[in-house]
């Protein structure tokens, strides 16, 4: 019988280590049964009471990166999206780019008249005559869940935008749907309210199909924070200059040179972008 090991979650809560949870996360990333068994066996030998979930994640990621970089990237997607912080704007831009891939016309940070007050809409997405109001709720820490209060707040904004009777053509279009998109998990009450109220909720693993992770993989739009060839200091500088996506770097080689990167390092980063995002190197 295996020893019961308690690990520490990002919230500080202690929980019993679950081999199945680790296997499921690796399986969702596309790892084979052989790779999964090898990584789980390796990590279980290192487990100690009080070990953090972050340390376990880092260990699994390092093992994956040695053999299958593509799977390692999928496994690290949640951390990469969380690294878009500390402000929410890169996340809004990221959501907008994914919706563009779905065929929407997108505007980010739009001021719109509501029935009672004016609202700043994170993302306004349009397809045909249909307009969607998207509230992008970003957290840069693990262990936080998007709760009922957030869902109620977003629904009230959606209702105010939808209710307005006097509209100025081109400025306040009719809003047909309200979405709350978050990079965290959603509480059960938030999910229940979304289903009941008609507010569309998209979280990291919710709904089972069409969640945020699915959107990223389907669109092929990756945040530059997913790149393994750039260190955290360089990523932060690039974010601060308004560059959010991997593919944007293919047009910003001078920026990489400003960071003191050698030509060989830049070429390695470009090769990783091509491999991960399917974007060709632009000389």
C-alpha atoms as a PDB file:
ATOM      1  CA  UNK A   1       0.000   0.000   0.000  1.00  0.00           C
ATOM      2  CA  UNK A   2       1.366   3.422  -0.983  1.00  0.00           C
ATOM      3  CA  UNK A   3       2.087   5.994   1.698  1.00  0.00           C
ATOM      4  CA  UNK A   4      -0.488   8.795   1.977  1.00  0.00           C
ATOM      5  CA  UNK A   5       1.224  12.079   1.071  1.00  0.00           C
ATOM      6  CA  UNK A   6      -0.357  15.483   1.706  1.00  0.00           C
ATOM      7  CA  UNK A   7       0.631  18.315  -0.627  1.00  0.00           C
ATOM      8  CA  UNK A   8       0.037  22.066  -0.403  1.00  0.00           C
ATOM      9  CA  UNK A   9      -2.217  23.774  -2.965  1.00  0.00           C
ATOM     10  CA  UNK A  10      -1.669  27.352  -4.180  1.00  0.00           C
ATOM     11  CA  UNK A  11      -4.426  28.472  -1.784  1.00  0.00           C
ATOM     12  CA  UNK A  12      -2.432  27.074   1.148  1.00  0.00           C
ATOM     13  CA  UNK A  13      -4.867  24.216   1.689  1.00  0.00           C
ATOM     14  CA  UNK A  14      -3.422  20.756   2.253  1.00  0.00           C
ATOM     15  CA  UNK A  15      -4.810  17.863   0.230  1.00  0.00           C
ATOM     16  CA  UNK A  16      -4.028  14.217  -0.350  1.00  0.00           C
ATOM     17  CA  UNK A  17      -1.814  13.720  -3.400  1.00  0.00           C
ATOM     18  CA  UNK A  18      -3.792  12.170  -6.237  1.00  0.00           C
ATOM     19  CA  UNK A  19      -1.956  10.133  -8.811  1.00  0.00           C
ATOM     20  CA  UNK A  20      -5.076  10.248 -11.000  1.00  0.00           C
ATOM     21  CA  UNK A  21      -5.194  14.053 -11.047  1.00  0.00           C
ATOM     22  CA  UNK A  22      -1.572  14.211 -12.179  1.00  0.00           C
ATOM     23  CA  UNK A  23      -2.230  11.590 -14.840  1.00  0.00           C
ATOM     24  CA  UNK A  24      -5.318  13.463 -16.077  1.00  0.00           C
ATOM     25  CA  UNK A  25      -3.417  16.747 -16.436  1.00  0.00           C
ATOM     26  CA  UNK A  26      -0.660  15.012 -18.409  1.00  0.00           C
ATOM     27  CA  UNK A  27      -3.199  13.174 -20.550  1.00  0.00           C
ATOM     28  CA  UNK A  28      -5.004  16.439 -21.426  1.00  0.00           C
ATOM     29  CA  UNK A  29      -1.663  17.748 -22.667  1.00  0.00           C
ATOM     30  CA  UNK A  30      -1.395  14.874 -25.135  1.00  0.00           C
ATOM     31  CA  UNK A  31       1.218  12.755 -23.352  1.00  0.00           C
ATOM     32  CA  UNK A  32       1.259   9.033 -24.142  1.00  0.00           C
ATOM     33  CA  UNK A  33       0.532   6.407 -21.499  1.00  0.00           C
ATOM     34  CA  UNK A  34       4.217   5.466 -21.467  1.00  0.00           C
ATOM     35  CA  UNK A  35       5.323   9.070 -20.877  1.00  0.00           C
ATOM     36  CA  UNK A  36       2.641   9.565 -18.218  1.00  0.00           C
ATOM     37  CA  UNK A  37       3.658   6.445 -16.296  1.00  0.00           C
ATOM     38  CA  UNK A  38       7.318   7.434 -16.461  1.00  0.00           C
ATOM     39  CA  UNK A  39       6.693  10.976 -15.132  1.00  0.00           C
ATOM     40  CA  UNK A  40       4.290   9.859 -12.398  1.00  0.00           C
ATOM     41  CA  UNK A  41       6.748   7.198 -11.240  1.00  0.00           C
ATOM     42  CA  UNK A  42       9.576   9.754 -11.195  1.00  0.00           C
ATOM     43  CA  UNK A  43       7.568  12.309  -9.206  1.00  0.00           C
ATOM     44  CA  UNK A  44       6.216   9.799  -6.711  1.00  0.00           C
ATOM     45  CA  UNK A  45       9.801   8.916  -5.753  1.00  0.00           C
ATOM     46  CA  UNK A  46      10.399  12.592  -4.913  1.00  0.00           C
ATOM     47  CA  UNK A  47       7.131  13.245  -3.044  1.00  0.00           C
ATOM     48  CA  UNK A  48       7.297  14.546   0.501  1.00  0.00           C
ATOM     49  CA  UNK A  49       4.599  15.768   2.900  1.00  0.00           C
ATOM     50  CA  UNK A  50       4.075  19.503   2.438  1.00  0.00           C
ATOM     51  CA  UNK A  51       5.448  19.603  -1.121  1.00  0.00           C
ATOM     52  CA  UNK A  52       3.682  22.313  -3.121  1.00  0.00           C
ATOM     53  CA  UNK A  53       1.614  21.699  -6.231  1.00  0.00           C
ATOM     54  CA  UNK A  54       3.811  24.281  -7.989  1.00  0.00           C
ATOM     55  CA  UNK A  55       6.932  22.242  -7.292  1.00  0.00           C
ATOM     56  CA  UNK A  56       5.223  19.119  -8.641  1.00  0.00           C
ATOM     57  CA  UNK A  57       4.164  21.040 -11.760  1.00  0.00           C
ATOM     58  CA  UNK A  58       7.693  22.395 -12.308  1.00  0.00           C
ATOM     59  CA  UNK A  59       9.120  18.898 -11.977  1.00  0.00           C
ATOM     60  CA  UNK A  60       6.647  17.400 -14.471  1.00  0.00           C
ATOM     61  CA  UNK A  61       7.222  20.285 -16.902  1.00  0.00           C
ATOM     62  CA  UNK A  62      11.009  19.863 -16.772  1.00  0.00           C
ATOM     63  CA  UNK A  63      10.668  16.137 -17.514  1.00  0.00           C
ATOM     64  CA  UNK A  64       8.312  16.788 -20.434  1.00  0.00           C
ATOM     65  CA  UNK A  65      10.508  19.523 -21.887  1.00  0.00           C
ATOM     66  CA  UNK A  66      13.434  17.124 -22.184  1.00  0.00           C
ATOM     67  CA  UNK A  67      11.590  14.845 -24.582  1.00  0.00           C
ATOM     68  CA  UNK A  68       8.434  16.457 -25.979  1.00  0.00           C
ATOM     69  CA  UNK A  69       8.493  20.248 -26.107  1.00  0.00           C
ATOM     70  CA  UNK A  70       5.080  20.409 -27.823  1.00  0.00           C
ATOM     71  CA  UNK A  71       3.442  18.472 -24.987  1.00  0.00           C
ATOM     72  CA  UNK A  72       5.370  20.496 -22.401  1.00  0.00           C
ATOM     73  CA  UNK A  73       3.908  23.675 -23.891  1.00  0.00           C
ATOM     74  CA  UNK A  74       0.346  22.333 -23.668  1.00  0.00           C
ATOM     75  CA  UNK A  75       1.006  21.289 -20.090  1.00  0.00           C
ATOM     76  CA  UNK A  76       2.280  24.796 -19.245  1.00  0.00           C
ATOM     77  CA  UNK A  77      -0.511  26.748 -20.966  1.00  0.00           C
ATOM     78  CA  UNK A  78      -2.334  27.697 -17.770  1.00  0.00           C
ATOM     79  CA  UNK A  79       0.866  29.030 -16.202  1.00  0.00           C
ATOM     80  CA  UNK A  80       1.690  30.872 -19.430  1.00  0.00           C
ATOM     81  CA  UNK A  81      -1.696  32.617 -19.498  1.00  0.00           C
ATOM     82  CA  UNK A  82      -1.318  33.536 -15.827  1.00  0.00           C
ATOM     83  CA  UNK A  83       2.038  35.113 -16.698  1.00  0.00           C
ATOM     84  CA  UNK A  84       0.198  37.648 -18.891  1.00  0.00           C
ATOM     85  CA  UNK A  85      -0.224  39.771 -15.740  1.00  0.00           C
ATOM     86  CA  UNK A  86      -0.108  41.728 -13.606  1.00  0.00           C
ATOM     87  CA  UNK A  87      -2.644  43.905 -15.470  1.00  0.00           C
ATOM     88  CA  UNK A  88      -5.609  42.524 -17.366  1.00  0.00           C
ATOM     89  CA  UNK A  89      -5.029  44.269 -20.695  1.00  0.00           C
ATOM     90  CA  UNK A  90      -2.756  41.609 -22.267  1.00  0.00           C
ATOM     91  CA  UNK A  91      -5.421  39.029 -21.394  1.00  0.00           C
ATOM     92  CA  UNK A  92      -8.123  41.131 -23.097  1.00  0.00           C
ATOM     93  CA  UNK A  93      -5.973  41.425 -26.208  1.00  0.00           C
ATOM     94  CA  UNK A  94      -5.266  37.688 -26.084  1.00  0.00           C
ATOM     95  CA  UNK A  95      -9.008  36.863 -25.903  1.00  0.00           C
ATOM     96  CA  UNK A  96      -9.652  39.238 -28.791  1.00  0.00           C
ATOM     97  CA  UNK A  97      -7.051  37.540 -30.986  1.00  0.00           C
ATOM     98  CA  UNK A  98      -8.555  34.107 -30.336  1.00  0.00           C
ATOM     99  CA  UNK A  99     -12.019  35.378 -31.273  1.00  0.00           C
ATOM    100  CA  UNK A 100     -10.590  36.825 -34.492  1.00  0.00           C
ATOM    101  CA  UNK A 101      -9.449  33.310 -35.369  1.00  0.00           C
ATOM    102  CA  UNK A 102     -13.077  32.201 -34.982  1.00  0.00           C
ATOM    103  CA  UNK A 103     -14.157  34.769 -37.581  1.00  0.00           C
ATOM    104  CA  UNK A 104     -15.255  37.647 -35.340  1.00  0.00           C
ATOM    105  CA  UNK A 105     -14.501  41.300 -35.948  1.00  0.00           C
ATOM    106  CA  UNK A 106     -13.003  42.433 -32.649  1.00  0.00           C
ATOM    107  CA  UNK A 107     -12.443  45.687 -30.776  1.00  0.00           C
ATOM    108  CA  UNK A 108     -10.729  45.845 -27.395  1.00  0.00           C
ATOM    109  CA  UNK A 109     -11.390  48.479 -24.712  1.00  0.00           C
ATOM    110  CA  UNK A 110     -14.541  50.051 -26.194  1.00  0.00           C
ATOM    111  CA  UNK A 111     -16.597  52.732 -24.405  1.00  0.00           C
ATOM    112  CA  UNK A 112     -20.329  52.045 -24.807  1.00  0.00           C
ATOM    113  CA  UNK A 113     -23.534  53.657 -23.581  1.00  0.00           C
ATOM    114  CA  UNK A 114     -25.734  51.597 -21.311  1.00  0.00           C
ATOM    115  CA  UNK A 115     -29.293  52.389 -20.214  1.00  0.00           C
ATOM    116  CA  UNK A 116     -28.074  53.812 -16.900  1.00  0.00           C
ATOM    117  CA  UNK A 117     -24.329  54.414 -17.239  1.00  0.00           C
ATOM    118  CA  UNK A 118     -21.425  54.257 -19.683  1.00  0.00           C
ATOM    119  CA  UNK A 119     -19.341  51.079 -19.713  1.00  0.00           C
ATOM    120  CA  UNK A 120     -15.838  50.207 -20.839  1.00  0.00           C
ATOM    121  CA  UNK A 121     -16.222  46.891 -22.650  1.00  0.00           C
ATOM    122  CA  UNK A 122     -13.150  44.656 -22.510  1.00  0.00           C
ATOM    123  CA  UNK A 123     -13.866  42.970 -25.854  1.00  0.00           C
ATOM    124  CA  UNK A 124     -16.638  43.709 -28.355  1.00  0.00           C
ATOM    125  CA  UNK A 125     -16.934  40.866 -30.869  1.00  0.00           C
ATOM    126  CA  UNK A 126     -19.083  41.049 -34.010  1.00  0.00           C
ATOM    127  CA  UNK A 127     -20.057  38.385 -36.520  1.00  0.00           C
ATOM    128  CA  UNK A 128     -22.648  39.419 -39.101  1.00  0.00           C
ATOM    129  CA  UNK A 129     -25.304  41.398 -37.231  1.00  0.00           C
ATOM    130  CA  UNK A 130     -24.551  39.699 -33.915  1.00  0.00           C
ATOM    131  CA  UNK A 131     -22.600  41.565 -31.213  1.00  0.00           C
ATOM    132  CA  UNK A 132     -21.110  39.950 -28.110  1.00  0.00           C
ATOM    133  CA  UNK A 133     -20.053  41.769 -24.951  1.00  0.00           C
ATOM    134  CA  UNK A 134     -17.065  40.003 -23.375  1.00  0.00           C
ATOM    135  CA  UNK A 135     -15.829  40.672 -19.859  1.00  0.00           C
ATOM    136  CA  UNK A 136     -12.291  39.295 -19.455  1.00  0.00           C
ATOM    137  CA  UNK A 137     -11.611  38.455 -15.799  1.00  0.00           C
ATOM    138  CA  UNK A 138      -7.904  37.887 -15.226  1.00  0.00           C
ATOM    139  CA  UNK A 139      -6.086  36.518 -12.158  1.00  0.00           C
ATOM    140  CA  UNK A 140      -2.318  36.160 -11.928  1.00  0.00           C
ATOM    141  CA  UNK A 141      -2.311  33.791  -8.967  1.00  0.00           C
ATOM    142  CA  UNK A 142      -3.194  30.120  -8.729  1.00  0.00           C
ATOM    143  CA  UNK A 143      -5.805  29.038  -6.209  1.00  0.00           C
ATOM    144  CA  UNK A 144      -8.258  31.847  -6.976  1.00  0.00           C
ATOM    145  CA  UNK A 145     -11.683  30.995  -8.390  1.00  0.00           C
ATOM    146  CA  UNK A 146     -14.076  33.304 -10.226  1.00  0.00           C
ATOM    147  CA  UNK A 147     -17.177  33.344  -8.049  1.00  0.00           C
ATOM    148  CA  UNK A 148     -20.869  34.225  -8.084  1.00  0.00           C
ATOM    149  CA  UNK A 149     -20.261  37.908  -7.270  1.00  0.00           C
ATOM    150  CA  UNK A 150     -18.246  38.328 -10.456  1.00  0.00           C
ATOM    151  CA  UNK A 151     -20.931  36.579 -12.534  1.00  0.00           C
ATOM    152  CA  UNK A 152     -23.652  38.819 -11.020  1.00  0.00           C
ATOM    153  CA  UNK A 153     -21.590  41.933 -11.751  1.00  0.00           C
ATOM    154  CA  UNK A 154     -20.987  40.956 -15.386  1.00  0.00           C
ATOM    155  CA  UNK A 155     -24.659  40.037 -15.917  1.00  0.00           C
ATOM    156  CA  UNK A 156     -25.787  43.429 -14.566  1.00  0.00           C
ATOM    157  CA  UNK A 157     -23.457  45.209 -17.015  1.00  0.00           C
ATOM    158  CA  UNK A 158     -24.728  43.054 -19.874  1.00  0.00           C
ATOM    159  CA  UNK A 159     -28.346  43.842 -18.941  1.00  0.00           C
ATOM    160  CA  UNK A 160     -27.629  47.587 -18.841  1.00  0.00           C
ATOM    161  CA  UNK A 161     -25.982  47.481 -22.275  1.00  0.00           C
ATOM    162  CA  UNK A 162     -28.797  45.379 -23.706  1.00  0.00           C
ATOM    163  CA  UNK A 163     -31.564  47.526 -22.237  1.00  0.00           C
ATOM    164  CA  UNK A 164     -30.600  50.862 -23.764  1.00  0.00           C
ATOM    165  CA  UNK A 165     -33.331  52.140 -26.087  1.00  0.00           C
ATOM    166  CA  UNK A 166     -31.672  55.163 -27.701  1.00  0.00           C
ATOM    167  CA  UNK A 167     -28.701  54.026 -29.741  1.00  0.00           C
ATOM    168  CA  UNK A 168     -26.233  56.008 -31.787  1.00  0.00           C
ATOM    169  CA  UNK A 169     -25.469  54.060 -34.944  1.00  0.00           C
ATOM    170  CA  UNK A 170     -21.900  52.775 -34.959  1.00  0.00           C
ATOM    171  CA  UNK A 171     -21.311  53.651 -31.315  1.00  0.00           C
ATOM    172  CA  UNK A 172     -23.823  51.614 -29.332  1.00  0.00           C
ATOM    173  CA  UNK A 173     -24.803  48.515 -31.314  1.00  0.00           C
ATOM    174  CA  UNK A 174     -27.363  46.078 -30.007  1.00  0.00           C
ATOM    175  CA  UNK A 175     -25.695  43.560 -27.707  1.00  0.00           C
ATOM    176  CA  UNK A 176     -27.010  40.037 -28.243  1.00  0.00           C
ATOM    177  CA  UNK A 177     -24.881  37.982 -25.854  1.00  0.00           C
ATOM    178  CA  UNK A 178     -22.871  38.489 -22.687  1.00  0.00           C
ATOM    179  CA  UNK A 179     -19.763  36.400 -21.979  1.00  0.00           C
ATOM    180  CA  UNK A 180     -17.548  36.124 -18.925  1.00  0.00           C
ATOM    181  CA  UNK A 181     -14.146  34.691 -19.856  1.00  0.00           C
ATOM    182  CA  UNK A 182     -11.656  33.947 -17.092  1.00  0.00           C
ATOM    183  CA  UNK A 183      -8.290  32.202 -16.851  1.00  0.00           C
ATOM    184  CA  UNK A 184      -9.281  30.568 -13.546  1.00  0.00           C
ATOM    185  CA  UNK A 185     -11.749  27.918 -12.506  1.00  0.00           C
ATOM    186  CA  UNK A 186     -15.343  28.927 -11.720  1.00  0.00           C
ATOM    187  CA  UNK A 187     -17.185  28.169  -8.496  1.00  0.00           C
ATOM    188  CA  UNK A 188     -20.188  25.852  -8.673  1.00  0.00           C
ATOM    189  CA  UNK A 189     -22.580  28.731  -7.821  1.00  0.00           C
ATOM    190  CA  UNK A 190     -21.129  30.891 -10.607  1.00  0.00           C
ATOM    191  CA  UNK A 191     -21.621  28.027 -13.084  1.00  0.00           C
ATOM    192  CA  UNK A 192     -25.164  27.445 -11.837  1.00  0.00           C
ATOM    193  CA  UNK A 193     -26.017  31.133 -12.187  1.00  0.00           C
ATOM    194  CA  UNK A 194     -24.554  31.277 -15.704  1.00  0.00           C
ATOM    195  CA  UNK A 195     -26.691  28.339 -16.835  1.00  0.00           C
ATOM    196  CA  UNK A 196     -29.819  29.842 -15.280  1.00  0.00           C
ATOM    197  CA  UNK A 197     -29.334  33.484 -16.344  1.00  0.00           C
ATOM    198  CA  UNK A 198     -28.105  32.930 -19.901  1.00  0.00           C
ATOM    199  CA  UNK A 199     -24.679  34.462 -19.226  1.00  0.00           C
ATOM    200  CA  UNK A 200     -22.056  32.450 -21.089  1.00  0.00           C
ATOM    201  CA  UNK A 201     -19.190  31.445 -18.816  1.00  0.00           C
ATOM    202  CA  UNK A 202     -15.813  30.283 -20.100  1.00  0.00           C
ATOM    203  CA  UNK A 203     -13.143  29.248 -17.597  1.00  0.00           C
ATOM    204  CA  UNK A 204      -9.990  27.187 -17.662  1.00  0.00           C
ATOM    205  CA  UNK A 205     -11.752  23.806 -17.650  1.00  0.00           C
ATOM    206  CA  UNK A 206     -15.349  24.973 -18.102  1.00  0.00           C
ATOM    207  CA  UNK A 207     -17.459  24.103 -19.994  1.00  0.00           C
ATOM    208  CA  UNK A 208     -16.163  20.566 -20.702  1.00  0.00           C
ATOM    209  CA  UNK A 209     -15.932  21.465 -24.403  1.00  0.00           C
ATOM    210  CA  UNK A 210     -15.141  24.968 -25.620  1.00  0.00           C
ATOM    211  CA  UNK A 211     -13.297  26.049 -22.458  1.00  0.00           C
ATOM    212  CA  UNK A 212     -10.373  28.475 -22.458  1.00  0.00           C
ATOM    213  CA  UNK A 213      -7.784  25.740 -22.892  1.00  0.00           C
ATOM    214  CA  UNK A 214      -9.714  24.387 -25.904  1.00  0.00           C
ATOM    215  CA  UNK A 215      -9.943  27.896 -27.389  1.00  0.00           C
ATOM    216  CA  UNK A 216      -6.171  28.364 -27.179  1.00  0.00           C
ATOM    217  CA  UNK A 217      -5.323  25.008 -28.734  1.00  0.00           C
ATOM    218  CA  UNK A 218      -7.959  25.324 -31.461  1.00  0.00           C
ATOM    219  CA  UNK A 219      -6.982  28.882 -32.432  1.00  0.00           C
ATOM    220  CA  UNK A 220      -3.229  28.319 -32.394  1.00  0.00           C
ATOM    221  CA  UNK A 221      -2.894  31.740 -30.736  1.00  0.00           C
ATOM    222  CA  UNK A 222      -0.261  31.448 -28.001  1.00  0.00           C
ATOM    223  CA  UNK A 223       0.936  34.070 -25.502  1.00  0.00           C
ATOM    224  CA  UNK A 224       4.666  34.738 -25.740  1.00  0.00           C
ATOM    225  CA  UNK A 225       4.898  33.694 -22.071  1.00  0.00           C
ATOM    226  CA  UNK A 226       4.674  30.084 -23.296  1.00  0.00           C
ATOM    227  CA  UNK A 227       8.092  30.322 -24.968  1.00  0.00           C
ATOM    228  CA  UNK A 228      10.846  28.364 -23.272  1.00  0.00           C
ATOM    229  CA  UNK A 229      13.645  30.202 -25.102  1.00  0.00           C
ATOM    230  CA  UNK A 230      12.956  33.526 -23.316  1.00  0.00           C
ATOM    231  CA  UNK A 231      13.610  34.094 -19.618  1.00  0.00           C
ATOM    232  CA  UNK A 232      11.092  35.824 -17.335  1.00  0.00           C
ATOM    233  CA  UNK A 233      12.968  39.143 -17.315  1.00  0.00           C
ATOM    234  CA  UNK A 234      12.915  39.383 -21.104  1.00  0.00           C
ATOM    235  CA  UNK A 235       9.256  38.360 -21.288  1.00  0.00           C
ATOM    236  CA  UNK A 236       8.291  41.139 -18.861  1.00  0.00           C
ATOM    237  CA  UNK A 237      10.138  43.779 -20.885  1.00  0.00           C
ATOM    238  CA  UNK A 238       8.417  42.598 -24.081  1.00  0.00           C
ATOM    239  CA  UNK A 239       4.982  42.611 -22.408  1.00  0.00           C
ATOM    240  CA  UNK A 240       5.603  46.154 -21.165  1.00  0.00           C
ATOM    241  CA  UNK A 241       6.105  47.197 -24.796  1.00  0.00           C
ATOM    242  CA  UNK A 242       2.630  45.911 -25.694  1.00  0.00           C
ATOM    243  CA  UNK A 243       3.708  42.688 -27.427  1.00  0.00           C
ATOM    244  CA  UNK A 244       1.549  39.793 -26.180  1.00  0.00           C
ATOM    245  CA  UNK A 245       1.561  37.011 -28.769  1.00  0.00           C
ATOM    246  CA  UNK A 246       4.258  34.659 -30.048  1.00  0.00           C
ATOM    247  CA  UNK A 247       3.574  35.575 -33.648  1.00  0.00           C
ATOM    248  CA  UNK A 248       4.074  39.306 -32.955  1.00  0.00           C
ATOM    249  CA  UNK A 249       7.718  38.616 -32.194  1.00  0.00           C
ATOM    250  CA  UNK A 250       8.363  37.519 -35.775  1.00  0.00           C
ATOM    251  CA  UNK A 251       7.985  41.200 -36.725  1.00  0.00           C
ATOM    252  CA  UNK A 252      10.032  42.465 -33.760  1.00  0.00           C
ATOM    253  CA  UNK A 253      13.533  41.063 -34.155  1.00  0.00           C
ATOM    254  CA  UNK A 254      15.055  44.514 -33.396  1.00  0.00           C
ATOM    255  CA  UNK A 255      13.290  44.373 -30.020  1.00  0.00           C
ATOM    256  CA  UNK A 256      15.001  41.073 -29.233  1.00  0.00           C
ATOM    257  CA  UNK A 257      18.350  42.590 -30.186  1.00  0.00           C
ATOM    258  CA  UNK A 258      17.648  45.490 -27.820  1.00  0.00           C
ATOM    259  CA  UNK A 259      17.356  42.907 -25.050  1.00  0.00           C
ATOM    260  CA  UNK A 260      20.944  41.848 -25.734  1.00  0.00           C
ATOM    261  CA  UNK A 261      20.071  38.541 -27.398  1.00  0.00           C
ATOM    262  CA  UNK A 262      22.656  37.048 -29.737  1.00  0.00           C
ATOM    263  CA  UNK A 263      21.678  36.160 -33.315  1.00  0.00           C
ATOM    264  CA  UNK A 264      21.787  32.470 -32.425  1.00  0.00           C
ATOM    265  CA  UNK A 265      19.404  33.033 -29.474  1.00  0.00           C
ATOM    266  CA  UNK A 266      17.009  35.025 -31.653  1.00  0.00           C
ATOM    267  CA  UNK A 267      17.041  32.303 -34.288  1.00  0.00           C
ATOM    268  CA  UNK A 268      16.283  29.683 -31.628  1.00  0.00           C
ATOM    269  CA  UNK A 269      13.303  31.740 -30.434  1.00  0.00           C
ATOM    270  CA  UNK A 270      12.035  32.120 -33.996  1.00  0.00           C
ATOM    271  CA  UNK A 271      12.328  28.370 -34.540  1.00  0.00           C
ATOM    272  CA  UNK A 272      10.305  27.744 -31.373  1.00  0.00           C
ATOM    273  CA  UNK A 273       7.598  30.169 -32.534  1.00  0.00           C
ATOM    274  CA  UNK A 274       7.393  28.364 -35.880  1.00  0.00           C
ATOM    275  CA  UNK A 275       7.210  25.002 -34.115  1.00  0.00           C
ATOM    276  CA  UNK A 276       4.586  26.005 -31.545  1.00  0.00           C
ATOM    277  CA  UNK A 277       2.441  28.540 -33.348  1.00  0.00           C
ATOM    278  CA  UNK A 278       2.829  27.620 -36.999  1.00  0.00           C
ATOM    279  CA  UNK A 279       4.122  31.109 -37.838  1.00  0.00           C
ATOM    280  CA  UNK A 280       6.981  31.353 -40.277  1.00  0.00           C
ATOM    281  CA  UNK A 281      10.078  33.370 -39.554  1.00  0.00           C
ATOM    282  CA  UNK A 282       9.951  36.841 -41.122  1.00  0.00           C
ATOM    283  CA  UNK A 283      13.388  38.181 -41.962  1.00  0.00           C
END
